[in-house]
Amino acid sequence: MARPREFDTTQALDRAMRVFWAQGFEATSLCDLLCAMGLSKSSLYETFGSKHELYLATLDHYNRTVTAKHVATAIAAHASPKAGIAAVFDGLIDSMVTSQGGCCGCFLNNSAVEVAPRDPAAARRVCDGLDQVESAFCEALGRARAAGEIPDHRDTQALARYLNSSLNGLMVMAKARPERGALEDVARIVLQALD
């Protein structure tokens, strides 16, 4: 009979995600993961499988706990969908400039660059996360169009893709150049696309 787990799997997964997020897949050693998660090698393998399987699980965890909530929550905090979209960019800039998220950037971005080109399973998870962000933008843009905040002729799906791409590009830029003025210039031009 298997022994019951003596650790919180969600907490362990969160800790592993933060290590992969900060260091990347290749630079993260098994020792790094074991130390961060507070697990033995056997517990890690029994619960999460290989390092690769753990990495995929952390991408799923990120999509559930960060990606799925970030954009939709920021938008929902505003009565105006257009103001909510602007708040997403403002909040991102604030977190990047104050280094709450700047030095590590976005886990999906990092994974898209480092792992996804040669790992179809990771690429699917990156796409799932990007789709979540795009859907949140598209839903907000539909409400903005219905409220007369953006012109009726605007293609909300194309705008959502543009906002998603711009948001991700801004995160990449902020990793190397977390200067508020430069980031705000980019966000201002991006948001003008909604007019």
Protein backbone atom coordinates (compact mmCIF):
# COMPACT_ATOMS: atom_id res chain seq x y z
CA MET A 1 0.00 0.00 0.00
CA ALA A 2 1.35 3.42 -1.00
CA ARG A 3 2.06 5.93 1.72
CA PRO A 4 -0.04 9.10 1.67
CA ARG A 5 1.73 12.23 0.47
CA GLU A 6 3.16 14.32 3.27
CA PHE A 7 3.40 17.55 1.27
CA ASP A 8 1.12 19.97 -0.51
CA THR A 9 1.42 19.16 -4.21
CA THR A 10 0.09 22.56 -5.29
CA GLN A 11 2.65 24.35 -3.15
CA ALA A 12 5.44 22.10 -4.46
CA LEU A 13 4.30 22.75 -8.03
CA ASP A 14 4.24 26.49 -7.39
CA ARG A 15 7.80 26.38 -6.04
CA ALA A 16 9.01 24.38 -9.04
CA MET A 17 7.28 26.82 -11.39
CA ARG A 18 9.13 29.73 -9.79
CA VAL A 19 12.48 28.00 -10.25
CA PHE A 20 11.80 27.18 -13.91
CA TRP A 21 10.45 30.72 -14.41
CA ALA A 22 13.58 32.35 -13.00
CA GLN A 23 16.19 30.00 -14.47
CA GLY A 24 14.62 28.34 -17.51
CA PHE A 25 14.27 24.64 -18.19
CA GLU A 26 17.83 23.86 -19.26
CA ALA A 27 19.56 25.80 -16.47
CA THR A 28 17.40 24.26 -13.74
CA SER A 29 18.98 21.22 -12.15
CA LEU A 30 17.22 18.45 -10.31
CA CYS A 31 18.98 19.65 -7.16
CA ASP A 32 17.51 23.16 -7.68
CA LEU A 33 14.04 21.65 -7.89
CA LEU A 34 14.44 19.35 -4.91
CA CYS A 35 15.73 22.18 -2.74
CA ALA A 36 12.98 24.60 -3.76
CA MET A 37 10.21 22.03 -3.45
CA GLY A 38 11.51 20.47 -0.22
CA LEU A 39 11.13 16.97 -1.67
CA SER A 40 13.22 13.86 -1.96
CA LYS A 41 14.08 12.60 -5.42
CA SER A 42 11.71 9.67 -5.01
CA SER A 43 8.81 11.93 -3.97
CA LEU A 44 9.38 14.18 -6.96
CA TYR A 45 9.45 11.26 -9.40
CA GLU A 46 6.50 9.46 -7.80
CA THR A 47 4.35 12.59 -7.81
CA PHE A 48 5.38 14.51 -10.91
CA GLY A 49 7.37 12.09 -13.05
CA SER A 50 10.42 13.34 -14.93
CA LYS A 51 11.85 16.85 -14.94
CA HIS A 52 10.13 17.36 -18.30
CA GLU A 53 6.76 16.19 -16.97
CA LEU A 54 7.20 18.50 -13.97
CA TYR A 55 7.97 21.38 -16.33
CA LEU A 56 4.80 20.72 -18.32
CA ALA A 57 2.83 20.58 -15.07
CA THR A 58 4.27 23.96 -14.05
CA LEU A 59 3.14 25.45 -17.36
CA ASP A 60 -0.37 24.11 -16.71
CA HIS A 61 -0.20 25.52 -13.18
CA TYR A 62 0.92 28.92 -14.51
CA ASN A 63 -1.97 28.97 -16.98
CA ARG A 64 -4.45 28.14 -14.21
CA THR A 65 -3.13 30.49 -11.55
CA VAL A 66 -1.55 33.40 -13.41
CA THR A 67 -2.50 33.60 -17.08
CA ALA A 68 -6.17 32.72 -16.68
CA LYS A 69 -6.66 35.41 -14.05
CA HIS A 70 -4.33 38.29 -14.87
CA VAL A 71 -5.98 39.92 -17.87
CA ALA A 72 -9.60 39.06 -17.05
CA THR A 73 -9.24 40.25 -13.44
CA ALA A 74 -7.62 43.54 -14.42
CA ILE A 75 -10.30 44.24 -17.01
CA ALA A 76 -13.16 43.25 -14.71
CA ALA A 77 -12.00 45.74 -12.09
CA HIS A 78 -13.17 48.59 -14.36
CA ALA A 79 -16.69 49.54 -15.45
CA SER A 80 -15.31 50.44 -18.88
CA PRO A 81 -13.82 47.53 -20.86
CA LYS A 82 -11.50 49.93 -22.67
CA ALA A 83 -10.26 51.34 -19.35
CA GLY A 84 -9.79 47.76 -18.16
CA ILE A 85 -7.63 46.96 -21.17
CA ALA A 86 -5.53 50.06 -20.46
CA ALA A 87 -5.22 48.91 -16.84
CA VAL A 88 -3.75 45.60 -18.00
CA PHE A 89 -0.91 47.47 -19.69
CA ASP A 90 -0.51 49.93 -16.79
CA GLY A 91 -0.36 47.08 -14.28
CA LEU A 92 2.20 45.24 -16.34
CA ILE A 93 4.40 48.30 -16.56
CA ASP A 94 4.13 48.90 -12.82
CA SER A 95 5.14 45.33 -12.02
CA MET A 96 8.01 45.33 -14.52
CA VAL A 97 9.43 48.66 -13.39
CA THR A 98 9.26 47.75 -9.70
CA SER A 99 10.84 44.33 -10.48
CA GLN A 100 7.90 42.39 -9.08
CA GLY A 101 7.85 40.59 -12.40
CA GLY A 102 10.47 42.33 -14.49
CA CYS A 103 13.60 40.31 -13.97
CA CYS A 104 11.93 36.99 -14.75
CA GLY A 105 9.48 38.32 -17.32
CA CYS A 106 6.60 36.05 -18.25
CA PHE A 107 6.91 32.29 -17.80
CA LEU A 108 4.98 31.70 -21.04
CA ASN A 109 7.24 34.10 -22.96
CA ASN A 110 10.32 32.45 -21.54
CA SER A 111 8.98 29.01 -22.42
CA ALA A 112 7.96 30.12 -25.91
CA VAL A 113 11.52 31.17 -26.63
CA GLU A 114 13.51 28.50 -24.82
CA VAL A 115 11.51 25.29 -25.00
CA ALA A 116 8.48 25.49 -27.32
CA PRO A 117 10.39 25.50 -30.65
CA ARG A 118 11.60 21.93 -30.04
CA ASP A 119 8.97 20.62 -27.61
CA PRO A 120 5.43 20.19 -28.99
CA ALA A 121 3.93 19.48 -25.55
CA ALA A 122 5.35 22.71 -24.13
CA ALA A 123 4.33 24.59 -27.29
CA ARG A 124 0.72 23.44 -26.81
CA ARG A 125 0.71 24.76 -23.25
CA VAL A 126 2.21 28.08 -24.32
CA CYS A 127 -0.48 28.36 -27.00
CA ASP A 128 -3.16 27.50 -24.43
CA GLY A 129 -1.98 30.37 -22.22
CA LEU A 130 -1.78 32.81 -25.11
CA ASP A 131 -5.27 31.75 -26.19
CA GLN A 132 -6.59 32.53 -22.70
CA VAL A 133 -5.18 36.05 -22.87
CA GLU A 134 -6.51 36.55 -26.39
CA SER A 135 -9.96 35.36 -25.34
CA ALA A 136 -10.04 37.74 -22.38
CA PHE A 137 -9.08 40.64 -24.66
CA CYS A 138 -11.60 39.58 -27.31
CA GLU A 139 -14.43 39.38 -24.79
CA ALA A 140 -13.55 42.83 -23.41
CA LEU A 141 -13.31 44.28 -26.91
CA GLY A 142 -16.74 42.90 -27.76
CA ARG A 143 -18.17 44.63 -24.70
CA ALA A 144 -16.26 47.81 -25.58
CA ARG A 145 -17.70 47.78 -29.10
CA ALA A 146 -21.24 47.20 -27.74
CA ALA A 147 -20.75 50.13 -25.36
CA GLY A 148 -19.55 52.41 -28.17
CA GLU A 149 -16.00 52.62 -26.79
CA ILE A 150 -14.49 51.34 -30.02
CA PRO A 151 -15.84 51.70 -33.56
CA ASP A 152 -18.32 49.07 -34.80
CA HIS A 153 -16.22 48.17 -37.82
CA ARG A 154 -13.21 47.05 -35.76
CA ASP A 155 -12.34 43.35 -35.93
CA THR A 156 -12.27 42.39 -32.25
CA GLN A 157 -10.45 39.09 -32.89
CA ALA A 158 -7.65 40.81 -34.80
CA LEU A 159 -7.43 43.55 -32.15
CA ALA A 160 -7.28 40.92 -29.41
CA ARG A 161 -4.38 39.23 -31.19
CA TYR A 162 -2.63 42.57 -31.58
CA LEU A 163 -3.09 43.40 -27.89
CA ASN A 164 -1.83 39.94 -26.91
CA SER A 165 1.22 40.25 -29.12
CA SER A 166 1.92 43.76 -27.88
CA LEU A 167 1.55 42.78 -24.24
CA ASN A 168 4.01 39.93 -24.70
CA GLY A 169 6.42 42.12 -26.63
CA LEU A 170 6.27 44.70 -23.85
CA MET A 171 7.17 42.03 -21.31
CA VAL A 172 10.18 40.98 -23.36
CA MET A 173 11.29 44.59 -23.79
CA ALA A 174 10.90 45.23 -20.05
CA LYS A 175 13.28 42.40 -19.18
CA ALA A 176 16.13 44.27 -20.84
CA ARG A 177 14.90 47.84 -20.50
CA PRO A 178 12.51 48.35 -17.56
CA GLU A 179 12.28 52.12 -18.08
CA ARG A 180 8.81 53.42 -17.32
CA GLY A 181 8.84 56.15 -19.97
CA ALA A 182 9.84 53.81 -22.78
CA LEU A 183 7.30 51.18 -21.76
CA GLU A 184 4.54 53.78 -21.41
CA ASP A 185 5.34 55.09 -24.91
CA VAL A 186 4.79 51.61 -26.33
CA ALA A 187 1.57 51.06 -24.37
CA ARG A 188 0.18 54.44 -25.44
CA ILE A 189 0.70 53.65 -29.13
CA VAL A 190 -0.75 50.15 -28.71
CA LEU A 191 -3.90 51.50 -27.03
CA GLN A 192 -4.35 54.06 -29.81
CA ALA A 193 -5.14 51.10 -32.07
CA LEU A 194 -8.46 50.84 -30.26
CA ASP A 195 -9.61 54.29 -31.41
